[in-house]
Amino acid sequence: MADVIRILGLDPGLRCAGWGVIEARAGRLAFVDSGTIQPDPKASLAQRLAELAGALERLIAAMQPDTAAVEETFVNVNPRSALMLGQARGICLAAPAIAGLSVAEYPANTIKKSVVGAGHADKQQVQAMIRVLLPRAGAQSADAADALAVAICHAHHTEFAHRRSA
């Protein structure tokens, strides 16, 4: 693992996609920035996906992450919602890959377990642990906190993989 690795975490969404950037160095995590991308809900599906892609392209250029991680989609009861979320997730996977970044994917339960210690933690528990693990982050929206949790999960898994190969 490099001395410092900058990780972009993404929580896919078509209405609101969360993003979070952290730096990991020798087991220590540091908050860099976070936020949400909210495409125009009145725009066509194609236009909202294009807005998401453009925003991610600009975000990656500005933040200069070394790697990215994306939350896997859980099966939704509503097939239409699942399909739309899957399309947003595809953009969240493709944008960093197009920028030349390696992209990891993690199930929601793995992310929650990495951050909270329980795979079925609720959004409030994730937000509370983000404040503990990244005090400089302060209060975060649920989507931004989830994205930071994805980045933290990737940092933990990347460090573990590095230790195993050393």
N, C-alpha and C. Protein backbone atom coordinates (compact mmCIF):
# COMPACT_ATOMS: atom_id res chain seq x y z
N MET A 1 0.85 -1.17 0.00
CA MET A 1 0.00 0.00 0.00
C MET A 1 0.89 1.23 0.00
N ALA A 2 0.53 2.19 -0.79
CA ALA A 2 1.30 3.43 -0.86
C ALA A 2 1.28 4.12 0.50
N ASP A 3 2.19 5.06 0.68
CA ASP A 3 2.25 5.80 1.93
C ASP A 3 0.89 6.41 2.28
N VAL A 4 0.28 7.08 1.32
CA VAL A 4 -1.06 7.65 1.50
C VAL A 4 -1.90 7.23 0.29
N ILE A 5 -3.09 6.72 0.56
CA ILE A 5 -3.99 6.36 -0.52
C ILE A 5 -5.28 7.18 -0.36
N ARG A 6 -5.69 7.83 -1.43
CA ARG A 6 -6.91 8.64 -1.43
C ARG A 6 -8.01 7.80 -2.06
N ILE A 7 -9.09 7.62 -1.29
CA ILE A 7 -10.17 6.73 -1.69
C ILE A 7 -11.47 7.51 -1.88
N LEU A 8 -12.11 7.28 -3.02
CA LEU A 8 -13.42 7.84 -3.31
C LEU A 8 -14.46 6.75 -3.06
N GLY A 9 -15.37 7.00 -2.13
CA GLY A 9 -16.48 6.09 -1.87
C GLY A 9 -17.74 6.64 -2.52
N LEU A 10 -18.52 5.76 -3.14
CA LEU A 10 -19.75 6.18 -3.81
C LEU A 10 -20.93 5.35 -3.34
N ASP A 11 -22.01 6.06 -3.01
CA ASP A 11 -23.29 5.45 -2.66
C ASP A 11 -24.24 5.80 -3.80
N PRO A 12 -24.44 4.87 -4.75
CA PRO A 12 -25.22 5.19 -5.96
C PRO A 12 -26.66 5.57 -5.66
N GLY A 13 -27.16 6.48 -6.46
CA GLY A 13 -28.56 6.87 -6.40
C GLY A 13 -28.87 7.76 -7.58
N LEU A 14 -30.08 7.68 -8.06
CA LEU A 14 -30.48 8.52 -9.18
C LEU A 14 -31.05 9.84 -8.69
N ARG A 15 -31.71 9.82 -7.54
CA ARG A 15 -32.20 11.06 -6.95
C ARG A 15 -31.10 11.77 -6.18
N CYS A 16 -30.32 10.98 -5.44
CA CYS A 16 -29.24 11.54 -4.62
C CYS A 16 -28.14 10.51 -4.49
N ALA A 17 -27.00 10.77 -5.10
CA ALA A 17 -25.84 9.89 -5.00
C ALA A 17 -24.86 10.50 -4.01
N GLY A 18 -24.46 9.73 -3.02
CA GLY A 18 -23.50 10.23 -2.05
C GLY A 18 -22.08 9.95 -2.49
N TRP A 19 -21.18 10.85 -2.11
CA TRP A 19 -19.75 10.64 -2.38
C TRP A 19 -18.96 11.07 -1.15
N GLY A 20 -17.84 10.40 -0.95
CA GLY A 20 -16.96 10.74 0.17
C GLY A 20 -15.53 10.41 -0.18
N VAL A 21 -14.62 11.27 0.22
CA VAL A 21 -13.20 11.05 -0.05
C VAL A 21 -12.45 11.05 1.28
N ILE A 22 -11.65 10.00 1.47
CA ILE A 22 -10.81 9.90 2.65
C ILE A 22 -9.38 9.60 2.21
N GLU A 23 -8.45 9.79 3.12
CA GLU A 23 -7.08 9.35 2.91
C GLU A 23 -6.74 8.34 4.00
N ALA A 24 -6.08 7.26 3.58
CA ALA A 24 -5.65 6.22 4.51
C ALA A 24 -4.13 6.18 4.50
N ARG A 25 -3.57 6.19 5.71
CA ARG A 25 -2.11 6.13 5.86
C ARG A 25 -1.80 5.31 7.11
N ALA A 26 -1.15 4.17 6.88
CA ALA A 26 -0.70 3.31 7.99
C ALA A 26 -1.80 3.07 9.01
N GLY A 27 -3.00 2.70 8.53
CA GLY A 27 -4.08 2.38 9.44
C GLY A 27 -4.86 3.57 9.97
N ARG A 28 -4.44 4.77 9.64
CA ARG A 28 -5.14 5.97 10.09
C ARG A 28 -5.96 6.52 8.92
N LEU A 29 -7.15 7.00 9.26
CA LEU A 29 -8.05 7.55 8.25
C LEU A 29 -8.23 9.04 8.46
N ALA A 30 -8.29 9.78 7.37
CA ALA A 30 -8.50 11.23 7.45
C ALA A 30 -9.59 11.64 6.47
N PHE A 31 -10.51 12.44 6.93
CA PHE A 31 -11.58 12.97 6.10
C PHE A 31 -11.01 14.02 5.14
N VAL A 32 -11.40 13.96 3.88
CA VAL A 32 -11.01 14.96 2.89
C VAL A 32 -12.22 15.82 2.52
N ASP A 33 -13.28 15.20 2.02
CA ASP A 33 -14.48 15.94 1.62
C ASP A 33 -15.60 14.95 1.35
N SER A 34 -16.82 15.46 1.28
CA SER A 34 -17.96 14.61 0.97
C SER A 34 -19.12 15.47 0.51
N GLY A 35 -20.13 14.82 -0.02
CA GLY A 35 -21.32 15.55 -0.45
C GLY A 35 -22.26 14.64 -1.20
N THR A 36 -23.18 15.25 -1.92
CA THR A 36 -24.15 14.50 -2.71
C THR A 36 -24.27 15.11 -4.10
N ILE A 37 -24.69 14.28 -5.01
CA ILE A 37 -24.98 14.71 -6.38
C ILE A 37 -26.47 14.48 -6.58
N GLN A 38 -27.18 15.55 -6.93
CA GLN A 38 -28.63 15.45 -7.07
C GLN A 38 -29.06 15.92 -8.46
N PRO A 39 -29.14 14.97 -9.39
CA PRO A 39 -29.60 15.34 -10.73
C PRO A 39 -31.01 15.92 -10.69
N ASP A 40 -31.34 16.73 -11.67
CA ASP A 40 -32.66 17.36 -11.77
C ASP A 40 -33.74 16.28 -11.86
N PRO A 41 -34.64 16.19 -10.86
CA PRO A 41 -35.66 15.14 -10.87
C PRO A 41 -36.68 15.29 -12.00
N LYS A 42 -36.76 16.47 -12.60
CA LYS A 42 -37.70 16.71 -13.69
C LYS A 42 -37.11 16.35 -15.05
N ALA A 43 -35.81 16.10 -15.09
CA ALA A 43 -35.14 15.76 -16.35
C ALA A 43 -35.46 14.31 -16.72
N SER A 44 -35.23 13.99 -17.98
CA SER A 44 -35.42 12.61 -18.43
C SER A 44 -34.38 11.71 -17.76
N LEU A 45 -34.65 10.42 -17.79
CA LEU A 45 -33.71 9.46 -17.21
C LEU A 45 -32.33 9.61 -17.84
N ALA A 46 -32.28 9.71 -19.15
CA ALA A 46 -30.99 9.84 -19.84
C ALA A 46 -30.26 11.10 -19.38
N GLN A 47 -30.99 12.19 -19.23
CA GLN A 47 -30.36 13.45 -18.81
C GLN A 47 -29.85 13.36 -17.37
N ARG A 48 -30.63 12.72 -16.49
CA ARG A 48 -30.19 12.57 -15.09
C ARG A 48 -28.93 11.70 -15.02
N LEU A 49 -28.88 10.65 -15.82
CA LEU A 49 -27.68 9.80 -15.85
C LEU A 49 -26.49 10.59 -16.39
N ALA A 50 -26.73 11.42 -17.40
CA ALA A 50 -25.64 12.25 -17.95
C ALA A 50 -25.17 13.26 -16.91
N GLU A 51 -26.09 13.85 -16.15
CA GLU A 51 -25.72 14.79 -15.08
C GLU A 51 -24.87 14.08 -14.03
N LEU A 52 -25.27 12.87 -13.66
CA LEU A 52 -24.51 12.10 -12.67
C LEU A 52 -23.11 11.81 -13.20
N ALA A 53 -23.02 11.38 -14.45
CA ALA A 53 -21.71 11.06 -15.05
C ALA A 53 -20.82 12.30 -15.10
N GLY A 54 -21.38 13.42 -15.53
CA GLY A 54 -20.59 14.66 -15.61
C GLY A 54 -20.12 15.12 -14.25
N ALA A 55 -21.01 15.03 -13.25
CA ALA A 55 -20.63 15.44 -11.89
C ALA A 55 -19.52 14.55 -11.34
N LEU A 56 -19.60 13.25 -11.60
CA LEU A 56 -18.55 12.34 -11.14
C LEU A 56 -17.23 12.61 -11.85
N GLU A 57 -17.30 12.90 -13.13
CA GLU A 57 -16.08 13.23 -13.88
C GLU A 57 -15.39 14.46 -13.27
N ARG A 58 -16.17 15.49 -12.98
CA ARG A 58 -15.61 16.72 -12.37
C ARG A 58 -15.09 16.44 -10.96
N LEU A 59 -15.81 15.64 -10.20
CA LEU A 59 -15.41 15.30 -8.84
C LEU A 59 -14.08 14.55 -8.84
N ILE A 60 -13.94 13.58 -9.72
CA ILE A 60 -12.71 12.80 -9.80
C ILE A 60 -11.54 13.71 -10.22
N ALA A 61 -11.78 14.60 -11.15
CA ALA A 61 -10.72 15.53 -11.58
C ALA A 61 -10.30 16.44 -10.42
N ALA A 62 -11.25 16.89 -9.64
CA ALA A 62 -10.94 17.81 -8.53
C ALA A 62 -10.30 17.10 -7.34
N MET A 63 -10.79 15.92 -6.99
CA MET A 63 -10.33 15.22 -5.78
C MET A 63 -9.10 14.35 -6.01
N GLN A 64 -8.85 13.94 -7.26
CA GLN A 64 -7.69 13.12 -7.61
C GLN A 64 -7.54 11.88 -6.72
N PRO A 65 -8.60 11.05 -6.64
CA PRO A 65 -8.46 9.83 -5.84
C PRO A 65 -7.53 8.83 -6.51
N ASP A 66 -6.99 7.92 -5.69
CA ASP A 66 -6.13 6.84 -6.20
C ASP A 66 -6.95 5.61 -6.58
N THR A 67 -8.10 5.46 -5.95
CA THR A 67 -8.96 4.30 -6.15
C THR A 67 -10.38 4.68 -5.77
N ALA A 68 -11.34 3.84 -6.14
CA ALA A 68 -12.74 4.10 -5.83
C ALA A 68 -13.41 2.82 -5.35
N ALA A 69 -14.49 2.99 -4.62
CA ALA A 69 -15.29 1.86 -4.16
C ALA A 69 -16.76 2.25 -4.24
N VAL A 70 -17.58 1.28 -4.61
CA VAL A 70 -19.00 1.51 -4.83
C VAL A 70 -19.81 0.48 -4.05
N GLU A 71 -20.90 0.94 -3.46
CA GLU A 71 -21.79 0.01 -2.76
C GLU A 71 -22.57 -0.81 -3.78
N GLU A 72 -22.62 -2.13 -3.54
CA GLU A 72 -23.41 -3.00 -4.41
C GLU A 72 -24.89 -2.74 -4.17
N THR A 73 -25.69 -2.93 -5.20
CA THR A 73 -27.13 -2.73 -5.10
C THR A 73 -27.75 -3.94 -4.44
N PHE A 74 -28.62 -3.68 -3.47
CA PHE A 74 -29.38 -4.78 -2.88
C PHE A 74 -30.64 -4.96 -3.72
N VAL A 75 -31.23 -6.14 -3.65
CA VAL A 75 -32.43 -6.42 -4.43
C VAL A 75 -33.58 -5.61 -3.86
N ASN A 76 -34.21 -4.84 -4.73
CA ASN A 76 -35.30 -3.97 -4.31
C ASN A 76 -36.63 -4.67 -4.60
N VAL A 77 -37.62 -4.43 -3.77
CA VAL A 77 -38.94 -5.02 -3.96
C VAL A 77 -39.57 -4.52 -5.26
N ASN A 78 -39.35 -3.25 -5.57
CA ASN A 78 -39.92 -2.65 -6.77
C ASN A 78 -38.94 -2.82 -7.94
N PRO A 79 -39.28 -3.64 -8.94
CA PRO A 79 -38.36 -3.89 -10.05
C PRO A 79 -37.97 -2.61 -10.81
N ARG A 80 -38.90 -1.69 -10.97
CA ARG A 80 -38.61 -0.44 -11.69
C ARG A 80 -37.56 0.37 -10.93
N SER A 81 -37.72 0.46 -9.62
CA SER A 81 -36.75 1.19 -8.79
C SER A 81 -35.38 0.51 -8.83
N ALA A 82 -35.39 -0.82 -8.79
CA ALA A 82 -34.12 -1.57 -8.84
C ALA A 82 -33.41 -1.33 -10.16
N LEU A 83 -34.17 -1.30 -11.25
CA LEU A 83 -33.58 -1.06 -12.57
C LEU A 83 -32.97 0.34 -12.65
N MET A 84 -33.69 1.34 -12.15
CA MET A 84 -33.19 2.71 -12.19
C MET A 84 -31.95 2.87 -11.31
N LEU A 85 -31.97 2.25 -10.12
CA LEU A 85 -30.80 2.31 -9.24
C LEU A 85 -29.62 1.60 -9.91
N GLY A 86 -29.89 0.50 -10.59
CA GLY A 86 -28.83 -0.21 -11.29
C GLY A 86 -28.18 0.63 -12.38
N GLN A 87 -28.98 1.45 -13.05
CA GLN A 87 -28.42 2.32 -14.08
C GLN A 87 -27.53 3.39 -13.44
N ALA A 88 -27.94 3.96 -12.32
CA ALA A 88 -27.11 4.94 -11.61
C ALA A 88 -25.84 4.27 -11.10
N ARG A 89 -25.97 3.04 -10.62
CA ARG A 89 -24.80 2.30 -10.13
C ARG A 89 -23.82 2.04 -11.27
N GLY A 90 -24.34 1.76 -12.46
CA GLY A 90 -23.47 1.57 -13.62
C GLY A 90 -22.64 2.80 -13.91
N ILE A 91 -23.26 3.97 -13.80
CA ILE A 91 -22.51 5.23 -13.98
C ILE A 91 -21.45 5.37 -12.90
N CYS A 92 -21.81 5.02 -11.65
CA CYS A 92 -20.85 5.14 -10.53
C CYS A 92 -19.69 4.16 -10.68
N LEU A 93 -19.90 3.05 -11.35
CA LEU A 93 -18.81 2.11 -11.62
C LEU A 93 -17.97 2.57 -12.81
N ALA A 94 -18.65 3.06 -13.85
CA ALA A 94 -17.95 3.41 -15.09
C ALA A 94 -17.13 4.69 -14.97
N ALA A 95 -17.66 5.71 -14.32
CA ALA A 95 -16.95 7.01 -14.28
C ALA A 95 -15.53 6.88 -13.70
N PRO A 96 -15.34 6.24 -12.54
CA PRO A 96 -13.96 6.09 -12.05
C PRO A 96 -13.12 5.19 -12.95
N ALA A 97 -13.73 4.15 -13.50
CA ALA A 97 -12.97 3.25 -14.39
C ALA A 97 -12.50 3.99 -15.63
N ILE A 98 -13.36 4.83 -16.19
CA ILE A 98 -12.98 5.62 -17.36
C ILE A 98 -11.82 6.56 -17.01
N ALA A 99 -11.80 7.04 -15.76
CA ALA A 99 -10.72 7.93 -15.31
C ALA A 99 -9.44 7.15 -14.99
N GLY A 100 -9.46 5.82 -15.15
CA GLY A 100 -8.26 5.02 -14.93
C GLY A 100 -8.10 4.50 -13.51
N LEU A 101 -9.15 4.62 -12.68
CA LEU A 101 -9.05 4.15 -11.30
C LEU A 101 -9.47 2.69 -11.19
N SER A 102 -8.88 1.98 -10.25
CA SER A 102 -9.40 0.66 -9.91
C SER A 102 -10.68 0.90 -9.11
N VAL A 103 -11.67 0.03 -9.31
CA VAL A 103 -12.96 0.20 -8.65
C VAL A 103 -13.33 -1.10 -7.94
N ALA A 104 -13.56 -1.00 -6.63
CA ALA A 104 -13.99 -2.15 -5.84
C ALA A 104 -15.48 -2.02 -5.55
N GLU A 105 -16.10 -3.16 -5.28
CA GLU A 105 -17.52 -3.17 -4.94
C GLU A 105 -17.72 -3.94 -3.65
N TYR A 106 -18.60 -3.44 -2.79
CA TYR A 106 -18.86 -4.09 -1.50
C TYR A 106 -20.36 -4.14 -1.23
N PRO A 107 -20.84 -5.27 -0.71
CA PRO A 107 -22.24 -5.35 -0.30
C PRO A 107 -22.51 -4.45 0.90
N ALA A 108 -23.74 -3.99 1.02
CA ALA A 108 -24.11 -3.09 2.12
C ALA A 108 -23.78 -3.69 3.49
N ASN A 109 -24.03 -4.99 3.67
CA ASN A 109 -23.76 -5.61 4.97
C ASN A 109 -22.27 -5.59 5.31
N THR A 110 -21.41 -5.78 4.31
CA THR A 110 -19.96 -5.74 4.54
C THR A 110 -19.53 -4.32 4.93
N ILE A 111 -20.09 -3.33 4.28
CA ILE A 111 -19.77 -1.93 4.58
C ILE A 111 -20.18 -1.60 6.00
N LYS A 112 -21.40 -1.95 6.36
CA LYS A 112 -21.91 -1.64 7.71
C LYS A 112 -21.09 -2.37 8.77
N LYS A 113 -20.73 -3.61 8.49
CA LYS A 113 -19.93 -4.37 9.46
C LYS A 113 -18.55 -3.75 9.63
N SER A 114 -17.96 -3.24 8.54
CA SER A 114 -16.64 -2.61 8.62
C SER A 114 -16.66 -1.33 9.44
N VAL A 115 -17.78 -0.61 9.40
CA VAL A 115 -17.85 0.70 10.04
C VAL A 115 -18.50 0.63 11.42
N VAL A 116 -19.61 -0.09 11.52
CA VAL A 116 -20.38 -0.13 12.76
C VAL A 116 -20.08 -1.38 13.58
N GLY A 117 -19.72 -2.46 12.89
CA GLY A 117 -19.49 -3.72 13.58
C GLY A 117 -20.68 -4.66 13.48
N ALA A 118 -21.76 -4.19 12.85
CA ALA A 118 -22.96 -5.00 12.67
C ALA A 118 -23.44 -4.82 11.23
N GLY A 119 -23.68 -5.94 10.55
CA GLY A 119 -24.07 -5.89 9.14
C GLY A 119 -25.46 -5.36 8.88
N HIS A 120 -26.27 -5.27 9.91
CA HIS A 120 -27.65 -4.78 9.72
C HIS A 120 -27.87 -3.45 10.44
N ALA A 121 -26.83 -2.66 10.56
CA ALA A 121 -26.93 -1.36 11.22
C ALA A 121 -27.82 -0.44 10.39
N ASP A 122 -28.49 0.49 11.08
CA ASP A 122 -29.33 1.44 10.35
C ASP A 122 -28.54 2.69 9.98
N LYS A 123 -29.16 3.56 9.20
CA LYS A 123 -28.47 4.75 8.69
C LYS A 123 -27.98 5.66 9.81
N GLN A 124 -28.73 5.78 10.89
CA GLN A 124 -28.32 6.62 12.01
C GLN A 124 -27.06 6.08 12.68
N GLN A 125 -26.96 4.76 12.79
CA GLN A 125 -25.76 4.16 13.37
C GLN A 125 -24.54 4.41 12.49
N VAL A 126 -24.73 4.31 11.17
CA VAL A 126 -23.63 4.59 10.25
C VAL A 126 -23.20 6.04 10.39
N GLN A 127 -24.15 6.97 10.41
CA GLN A 127 -23.83 8.39 10.55
C GLN A 127 -23.09 8.65 11.86
N ALA A 128 -23.52 8.02 12.95
CA ALA A 128 -22.86 8.21 14.24
C ALA A 128 -21.42 7.70 14.21
N MET A 129 -21.19 6.55 13.59
CA MET A 129 -19.83 6.01 13.54
C MET A 129 -18.93 6.82 12.61
N ILE A 130 -19.50 7.42 11.58
CA ILE A 130 -18.69 8.30 10.73
C ILE A 130 -18.18 9.48 11.56
N ARG A 131 -19.03 10.03 12.43
CA ARG A 131 -18.60 11.14 13.30
C ARG A 131 -17.48 10.69 14.25
N VAL A 132 -17.52 9.42 14.68
CA VAL A 132 -16.48 8.90 15.58
C VAL A 132 -15.18 8.63 14.81
N LEU A 133 -15.30 7.95 13.67
CA LEU A 133 -14.11 7.56 12.91
C LEU A 133 -13.47 8.72 12.15
N LEU A 134 -14.29 9.68 11.73
CA LEU A 134 -13.80 10.84 10.98
C LEU A 134 -14.35 12.11 11.63
N PRO A 135 -13.83 12.50 12.79
CA PRO A 135 -14.40 13.64 13.52
C PRO A 135 -14.44 14.94 12.70
N ARG A 136 -13.47 15.13 11.82
CA ARG A 136 -13.46 16.35 10.99
C ARG A 136 -14.61 16.39 10.01
N ALA A 137 -15.23 15.25 9.75
CA ALA A 137 -16.34 15.19 8.79
C ALA A 137 -17.58 15.88 9.34
N GLY A 138 -17.74 15.90 10.66
CA GLY A 138 -18.94 16.51 11.25
C GLY A 138 -20.19 15.74 10.86
N ALA A 139 -21.32 16.40 10.97
CA ALA A 139 -22.60 15.77 10.62
C ALA A 139 -22.69 15.63 9.11
N GLN A 140 -23.16 14.49 8.66
CA GLN A 140 -23.27 14.19 7.23
C GLN A 140 -24.69 13.77 6.91
N SER A 141 -25.12 14.03 5.69
CA SER A 141 -26.39 13.48 5.23
C SER A 141 -26.24 11.96 5.19
N ALA A 142 -27.35 11.24 5.15
CA ALA A 142 -27.30 9.78 5.11
C ALA A 142 -26.53 9.29 3.89
N ASP A 143 -26.74 9.92 2.74
CA ASP A 143 -26.06 9.48 1.51
C ASP A 143 -24.56 9.74 1.56
N ALA A 144 -24.15 10.91 2.06
CA ALA A 144 -22.72 11.21 2.17
C ALA A 144 -22.06 10.30 3.21
N ALA A 145 -22.75 10.07 4.33
CA ALA A 145 -22.21 9.17 5.36
C ALA A 145 -22.05 7.76 4.81
N ASP A 146 -23.02 7.30 4.03
CA ASP A 146 -22.91 5.97 3.42
C ASP A 146 -21.71 5.91 2.47
N ALA A 147 -21.49 6.97 1.72
CA ALA A 147 -20.34 6.99 0.80
C ALA A 147 -19.02 6.97 1.57
N LEU A 148 -18.95 7.72 2.66
CA LEU A 148 -17.74 7.68 3.49
C LEU A 148 -17.56 6.28 4.08
N ALA A 149 -18.65 5.63 4.44
CA ALA A 149 -18.57 4.27 4.96
C ALA A 149 -18.01 3.31 3.90
N VAL A 150 -18.41 3.50 2.64
CA VAL A 150 -17.88 2.69 1.55
C VAL A 150 -16.37 2.89 1.44
N ALA A 151 -15.93 4.13 1.53
CA ALA A 151 -14.49 4.44 1.45
C ALA A 151 -13.73 3.81 2.63
N ILE A 152 -14.30 3.89 3.82
CA ILE A 152 -13.67 3.29 5.01
C ILE A 152 -13.57 1.77 4.85
N CYS A 153 -14.64 1.17 4.39
CA CYS A 153 -14.64 -0.28 4.15
C CYS A 153 -13.52 -0.65 3.18
N HIS A 154 -13.39 0.12 2.11
CA HIS A 154 -12.33 -0.17 1.13
C HIS A 154 -10.95 0.01 1.75
N ALA A 155 -10.79 1.03 2.57
CA ALA A 155 -9.49 1.23 3.25
C ALA A 155 -9.16 0.02 4.11
N HIS A 156 -10.15 -0.48 4.86
CA HIS A 156 -9.91 -1.65 5.72
C HIS A 156 -9.56 -2.88 4.89
N HIS A 157 -10.29 -3.10 3.81
CA HIS A 157 -10.03 -4.27 2.98
C HIS A 157 -8.71 -4.15 2.22
N THR A 158 -8.38 -2.97 1.77
CA THR A 158 -7.12 -2.75 1.06
C THR A 158 -5.94 -2.96 1.99
N GLU A 159 -6.04 -2.44 3.22
CA GLU A 159 -4.96 -2.61 4.19
C GLU A 159 -4.80 -4.08 4.56
N PHE A 160 -5.92 -4.79 4.75
CA PHE A 160 -5.86 -6.21 5.08
C PHE A 160 -5.20 -7.00 3.95
N ALA A 161 -5.58 -6.71 2.73
CA ALA A 161 -5.01 -7.40 1.56
C ALA A 161 -3.51 -7.11 1.47
N HIS A 162 -3.13 -5.89 1.77
CA HIS A 162 -1.71 -5.51 1.72
C HIS A 162 -0.93 -6.27 2.78
N ARG A 163 -1.49 -6.35 4.00
CA ARG A 163 -0.81 -7.06 5.08
C ARG A 163 -0.65 -8.55 4.76
N ARG A 164 -1.69 -9.14 4.14
CA ARG A 164 -1.63 -10.57 3.78
C ARG A 164 -0.56 -10.84 2.73
N SER A 165 -0.36 -9.89 1.80
CA SER A 165 0.61 -10.12 0.73
C SER A 165 2.03 -9.75 1.14
N ALA A 166 2.21 -9.06 2.26
CA ALA A 166 3.54 -8.63 2.70
C ALA A 166 4.29 -9.75 3.38
